[in-house]
Amino acid sequence: MNEIGDIRYTAVVNGEDQHSLWTEGRPLPAGWAEVGFTGTRDECLAEIDRIWPDILPRSVRDALSPCPLPPPSSPLSSLPSPSKPGGG
């Protein structure tokens, strides 16, 4: 039986860009993939902290991000800007 300090882990990520660690050699759950880093628990957690600065799931980040403006050559870019209340 392994001592806790002897267990090796791998950093993993899912489709929502959420990261975790998983015991090395165990099959990954559906929807998770290795990120290419294996080490001790503390090493994997440090790597996850480094590569995952925004812990919001991807779908939430996408919903909160502002809509991009159309490119200058887009037909939408020729539309007049909305007028401001009060004639400004």
N, C-alpha and C. Protein backbone atom coordinates (compact mmCIF):
# COMPACT_ATOMS: atom_id res chain seq x y z
N MET A 1 0.84 -1.19 0.00
CA MET A 1 0.00 0.00 0.00
C MET A 1 0.88 1.25 0.00
N ASN A 2 0.52 2.23 -0.80
CA ASN A 2 1.29 3.46 -0.90
C ASN A 2 1.05 4.36 0.29
N GLU A 3 2.09 5.05 0.66
CA GLU A 3 1.93 6.14 1.61
C GLU A 3 1.33 7.32 0.86
N ILE A 4 0.66 8.19 1.57
CA ILE A 4 0.01 9.35 0.93
C ILE A 4 1.00 10.15 0.10
N GLY A 5 2.20 10.37 0.59
CA GLY A 5 3.20 11.16 -0.13
C GLY A 5 3.73 10.48 -1.38
N ASP A 6 3.53 9.15 -1.50
CA ASP A 6 4.03 8.41 -2.66
C ASP A 6 3.04 8.38 -3.82
N ILE A 7 1.82 8.77 -3.57
CA ILE A 7 0.80 8.73 -4.63
C ILE A 7 1.10 9.81 -5.65
N ARG A 8 1.04 9.44 -6.92
CA ARG A 8 1.26 10.39 -8.01
C ARG A 8 -0.10 10.78 -8.58
N TYR A 9 -0.19 12.02 -9.00
CA TYR A 9 -1.42 12.57 -9.55
C TYR A 9 -1.15 13.16 -10.91
N THR A 10 -2.21 13.36 -11.67
CA THR A 10 -2.13 14.07 -12.93
C THR A 10 -3.18 15.17 -12.92
N ALA A 11 -2.83 16.31 -13.49
CA ALA A 11 -3.78 17.42 -13.60
C ALA A 11 -4.71 17.12 -14.78
N VAL A 12 -6.00 17.36 -14.58
CA VAL A 12 -7.01 17.07 -15.61
C VAL A 12 -7.91 18.28 -15.81
N VAL A 13 -8.59 18.30 -16.96
CA VAL A 13 -9.49 19.40 -17.31
C VAL A 13 -10.73 18.82 -17.98
N ASN A 14 -11.87 19.51 -17.80
CA ASN A 14 -13.10 19.06 -18.47
C ASN A 14 -13.51 20.08 -19.53
N GLY A 15 -14.62 19.84 -20.18
CA GLY A 15 -15.08 20.70 -21.26
C GLY A 15 -15.47 22.11 -20.84
N GLU A 16 -15.64 22.32 -19.56
CA GLU A 16 -15.96 23.66 -19.04
C GLU A 16 -14.70 24.39 -18.57
N ASP A 17 -13.52 23.84 -18.90
CA ASP A 17 -12.22 24.39 -18.48
C ASP A 17 -12.04 24.34 -16.97
N GLN A 18 -12.74 23.44 -16.30
CA GLN A 18 -12.54 23.26 -14.87
C GLN A 18 -11.42 22.24 -14.69
N HIS A 19 -10.53 22.49 -13.75
CA HIS A 19 -9.37 21.64 -13.54
C HIS A 19 -9.48 20.91 -12.22
N SER A 20 -8.81 19.78 -12.16
CA SER A 20 -8.77 18.98 -10.95
C SER A 20 -7.53 18.10 -11.01
N LEU A 21 -7.34 17.29 -9.98
CA LEU A 21 -6.28 16.31 -10.04
C LEU A 21 -6.88 14.93 -9.90
N TRP A 22 -6.18 13.96 -10.47
CA TRP A 22 -6.69 12.60 -10.51
C TRP A 22 -5.52 11.67 -10.25
N THR A 23 -5.77 10.59 -9.54
CA THR A 23 -4.71 9.64 -9.25
C THR A 23 -4.17 9.06 -10.55
N GLU A 24 -2.85 9.13 -10.71
CA GLU A 24 -2.21 8.64 -11.94
C GLU A 24 -2.51 7.15 -12.12
N GLY A 25 -2.78 6.77 -13.36
CA GLY A 25 -3.01 5.38 -13.69
C GLY A 25 -4.46 4.94 -13.62
N ARG A 26 -5.31 5.71 -12.99
CA ARG A 26 -6.73 5.37 -12.94
C ARG A 26 -7.41 5.91 -14.19
N PRO A 27 -8.38 5.18 -14.71
CA PRO A 27 -9.10 5.69 -15.88
C PRO A 27 -9.81 7.00 -15.53
N LEU A 28 -9.76 7.94 -16.45
CA LEU A 28 -10.42 9.24 -16.23
C LEU A 28 -11.93 9.09 -16.42
N PRO A 29 -12.69 9.87 -15.66
CA PRO A 29 -14.14 9.88 -15.89
C PRO A 29 -14.45 10.48 -17.27
N ALA A 30 -15.60 10.15 -17.80
CA ALA A 30 -16.03 10.70 -19.08
C ALA A 30 -16.02 12.23 -19.03
N GLY A 31 -15.52 12.85 -20.07
CA GLY A 31 -15.51 14.30 -20.16
C GLY A 31 -14.26 14.96 -19.59
N TRP A 32 -13.33 14.20 -19.09
CA TRP A 32 -12.09 14.75 -18.52
C TRP A 32 -10.90 14.29 -19.35
N ALA A 33 -9.87 15.16 -19.43
CA ALA A 33 -8.65 14.84 -20.17
C ALA A 33 -7.44 15.32 -19.37
N GLU A 34 -6.33 14.63 -19.53
CA GLU A 34 -5.10 15.05 -18.88
C GLU A 34 -4.58 16.33 -19.53
N VAL A 35 -3.98 17.21 -18.71
CA VAL A 35 -3.40 18.44 -19.25
C VAL A 35 -1.91 18.30 -19.52
N GLY A 36 -1.33 17.15 -19.15
CA GLY A 36 0.08 16.92 -19.44
C GLY A 36 1.00 17.19 -18.27
N PHE A 37 0.47 17.24 -17.06
CA PHE A 37 1.32 17.47 -15.89
C PHE A 37 1.02 16.39 -14.86
N THR A 38 2.07 15.74 -14.38
CA THR A 38 1.95 14.70 -13.36
C THR A 38 2.95 15.01 -12.26
N GLY A 39 2.55 14.77 -11.02
CA GLY A 39 3.45 15.00 -9.89
C GLY A 39 2.78 14.65 -8.58
N THR A 40 3.34 15.18 -7.51
CA THR A 40 2.73 14.99 -6.21
C THR A 40 1.44 15.79 -6.15
N ARG A 41 0.67 15.56 -5.12
CA ARG A 41 -0.58 16.32 -4.95
C ARG A 41 -0.30 17.81 -4.93
N ASP A 42 0.68 18.23 -4.13
CA ASP A 42 1.01 19.66 -4.02
C ASP A 42 1.52 20.23 -5.33
N GLU A 43 2.34 19.46 -6.07
CA GLU A 43 2.84 19.93 -7.36
C GLU A 43 1.69 20.11 -8.36
N CYS A 44 0.78 19.14 -8.38
CA CYS A 44 -0.37 19.25 -9.29
C CYS A 44 -1.27 20.42 -8.93
N LEU A 45 -1.50 20.62 -7.64
CA LEU A 45 -2.34 21.76 -7.22
C LEU A 45 -1.67 23.08 -7.59
N ALA A 46 -0.35 23.16 -7.45
CA ALA A 46 0.37 24.38 -7.84
C ALA A 46 0.26 24.61 -9.35
N GLU A 47 0.36 23.55 -10.13
CA GLU A 47 0.22 23.68 -11.59
C GLU A 47 -1.19 24.12 -11.96
N ILE A 48 -2.18 23.56 -11.31
CA ILE A 48 -3.56 23.95 -11.57
C ILE A 48 -3.78 25.42 -11.21
N ASP A 49 -3.23 25.86 -10.09
CA ASP A 49 -3.31 27.29 -9.74
C ASP A 49 -2.68 28.16 -10.82
N ARG A 50 -1.58 27.70 -11.40
CA ARG A 50 -0.87 28.48 -12.41
C ARG A 50 -1.66 28.56 -13.72
N ILE A 51 -2.28 27.46 -14.13
CA ILE A 51 -2.91 27.44 -15.46
C ILE A 51 -4.40 27.74 -15.42
N TRP A 52 -4.99 27.89 -14.24
CA TRP A 52 -6.44 28.10 -14.13
C TRP A 52 -6.72 29.32 -13.27
N PRO A 53 -6.39 30.52 -13.76
CA PRO A 53 -6.58 31.72 -12.95
C PRO A 53 -8.04 32.14 -12.79
N ASP A 54 -8.88 31.82 -13.75
CA ASP A 54 -10.30 32.20 -13.68
C ASP A 54 -11.12 30.93 -13.50
N ILE A 55 -11.63 30.72 -12.28
CA ILE A 55 -12.28 29.46 -11.98
C ILE A 55 -13.73 29.37 -12.45
N LEU A 56 -14.23 30.42 -13.09
CA LEU A 56 -15.59 30.33 -13.62
C LEU A 56 -15.64 29.31 -14.75
N PRO A 57 -16.68 28.51 -14.81
CA PRO A 57 -16.82 27.58 -15.94
C PRO A 57 -16.88 28.35 -17.26
N ARG A 58 -16.45 27.72 -18.32
CA ARG A 58 -16.40 28.37 -19.64
C ARG A 58 -17.76 28.93 -20.03
N SER A 59 -18.85 28.18 -19.79
CA SER A 59 -20.17 28.66 -20.20
C SER A 59 -20.55 29.94 -19.47
N VAL A 60 -20.15 30.08 -18.23
CA VAL A 60 -20.44 31.31 -17.48
C VAL A 60 -19.59 32.45 -18.01
N ARG A 61 -18.29 32.20 -18.26
CA ARG A 61 -17.43 33.24 -18.83
C ARG A 61 -17.98 33.71 -20.16
N ASP A 62 -18.41 32.76 -21.01
CA ASP A 62 -18.96 33.13 -22.31
C ASP A 62 -20.23 33.97 -22.17
N ALA A 63 -21.09 33.60 -21.21
CA ALA A 63 -22.34 34.34 -21.01
C ALA A 63 -22.08 35.75 -20.48
N LEU A 64 -21.02 35.92 -19.72
CA LEU A 64 -20.71 37.22 -19.14
C LEU A 64 -19.89 38.12 -20.05
N SER A 65 -19.27 37.54 -21.07
CA SER A 65 -18.41 38.35 -21.93
C SER A 65 -19.27 39.23 -22.83
N PRO A 66 -18.80 40.45 -23.09
CA PRO A 66 -19.59 41.34 -23.96
C PRO A 66 -19.61 40.80 -25.39
N CYS A 67 -20.67 41.12 -26.08
CA CYS A 67 -20.78 40.71 -27.48
C CYS A 67 -19.74 41.45 -28.29
N PRO A 68 -19.02 40.77 -29.16
CA PRO A 68 -18.01 41.46 -29.96
C PRO A 68 -18.66 42.38 -30.98
N LEU A 69 -17.99 43.46 -31.31
CA LEU A 69 -18.46 44.38 -32.35
C LEU A 69 -18.22 43.74 -33.71
N PRO A 70 -19.07 44.04 -34.68
CA PRO A 70 -18.83 43.49 -36.02
C PRO A 70 -17.55 44.09 -36.60
N PRO A 71 -16.85 43.35 -37.46
CA PRO A 71 -15.65 43.91 -38.07
C PRO A 71 -16.01 45.10 -38.96
N PRO A 72 -15.05 46.01 -39.19
CA PRO A 72 -15.34 47.23 -39.98
C PRO A 72 -15.93 46.93 -41.34
N SER A 73 -15.61 45.82 -41.97
CA SER A 73 -16.12 45.54 -43.30
C SER A 73 -17.51 44.91 -43.27
N SER A 74 -18.05 44.68 -42.08
CA SER A 74 -19.35 44.04 -41.94
C SER A 74 -20.46 45.00 -42.37
N PRO A 75 -21.52 44.47 -42.98
CA PRO A 75 -22.67 45.32 -43.34
C PRO A 75 -23.28 45.99 -42.11
N LEU A 76 -23.15 45.35 -40.95
CA LEU A 76 -23.71 45.96 -39.74
C LEU A 76 -22.94 47.21 -39.32
N SER A 77 -21.68 47.32 -39.72
CA SER A 77 -20.89 48.48 -39.30
C SER A 77 -21.34 49.76 -39.99
N SER A 78 -22.11 49.66 -41.08
CA SER A 78 -22.57 50.86 -41.77
C SER A 78 -23.88 51.40 -41.19
N LEU A 79 -24.45 50.68 -40.24
CA LEU A 79 -25.68 51.17 -39.61
C LEU A 79 -25.38 52.38 -38.75
N PRO A 80 -26.29 53.35 -38.70
CA PRO A 80 -26.03 54.54 -37.87
C PRO A 80 -26.03 54.14 -36.39
N SER A 81 -25.24 54.86 -35.62
CA SER A 81 -25.20 54.63 -34.18
C SER A 81 -26.50 55.10 -33.57
N PRO A 82 -26.97 54.44 -32.53
CA PRO A 82 -28.21 54.91 -31.89
C PRO A 82 -27.97 56.28 -31.27
N SER A 83 -29.00 57.12 -31.37
CA SER A 83 -28.86 58.47 -30.78
C SER A 83 -29.06 58.36 -29.29
N LYS A 84 -28.39 59.25 -28.59
CA LYS A 84 -28.50 59.29 -27.13
C LYS A 84 -29.73 60.08 -26.75
N PRO A 85 -30.35 59.73 -25.62
CA PRO A 85 -31.51 60.51 -25.15
C PRO A 85 -31.10 61.96 -24.92
N GLY A 86 -31.94 62.85 -25.27
CA GLY A 86 -31.66 64.27 -25.07
C GLY A 86 -30.92 64.89 -26.24
N GLY A 87 -30.84 64.19 -27.38
CA GLY A 87 -30.25 64.78 -28.58
C GLY A 87 -28.75 64.71 -28.63
N GLY A 88 -28.06 63.92 -27.73
CA GLY A 88 -26.60 63.90 -27.70
C GLY A 88 -26.04 62.94 -28.55
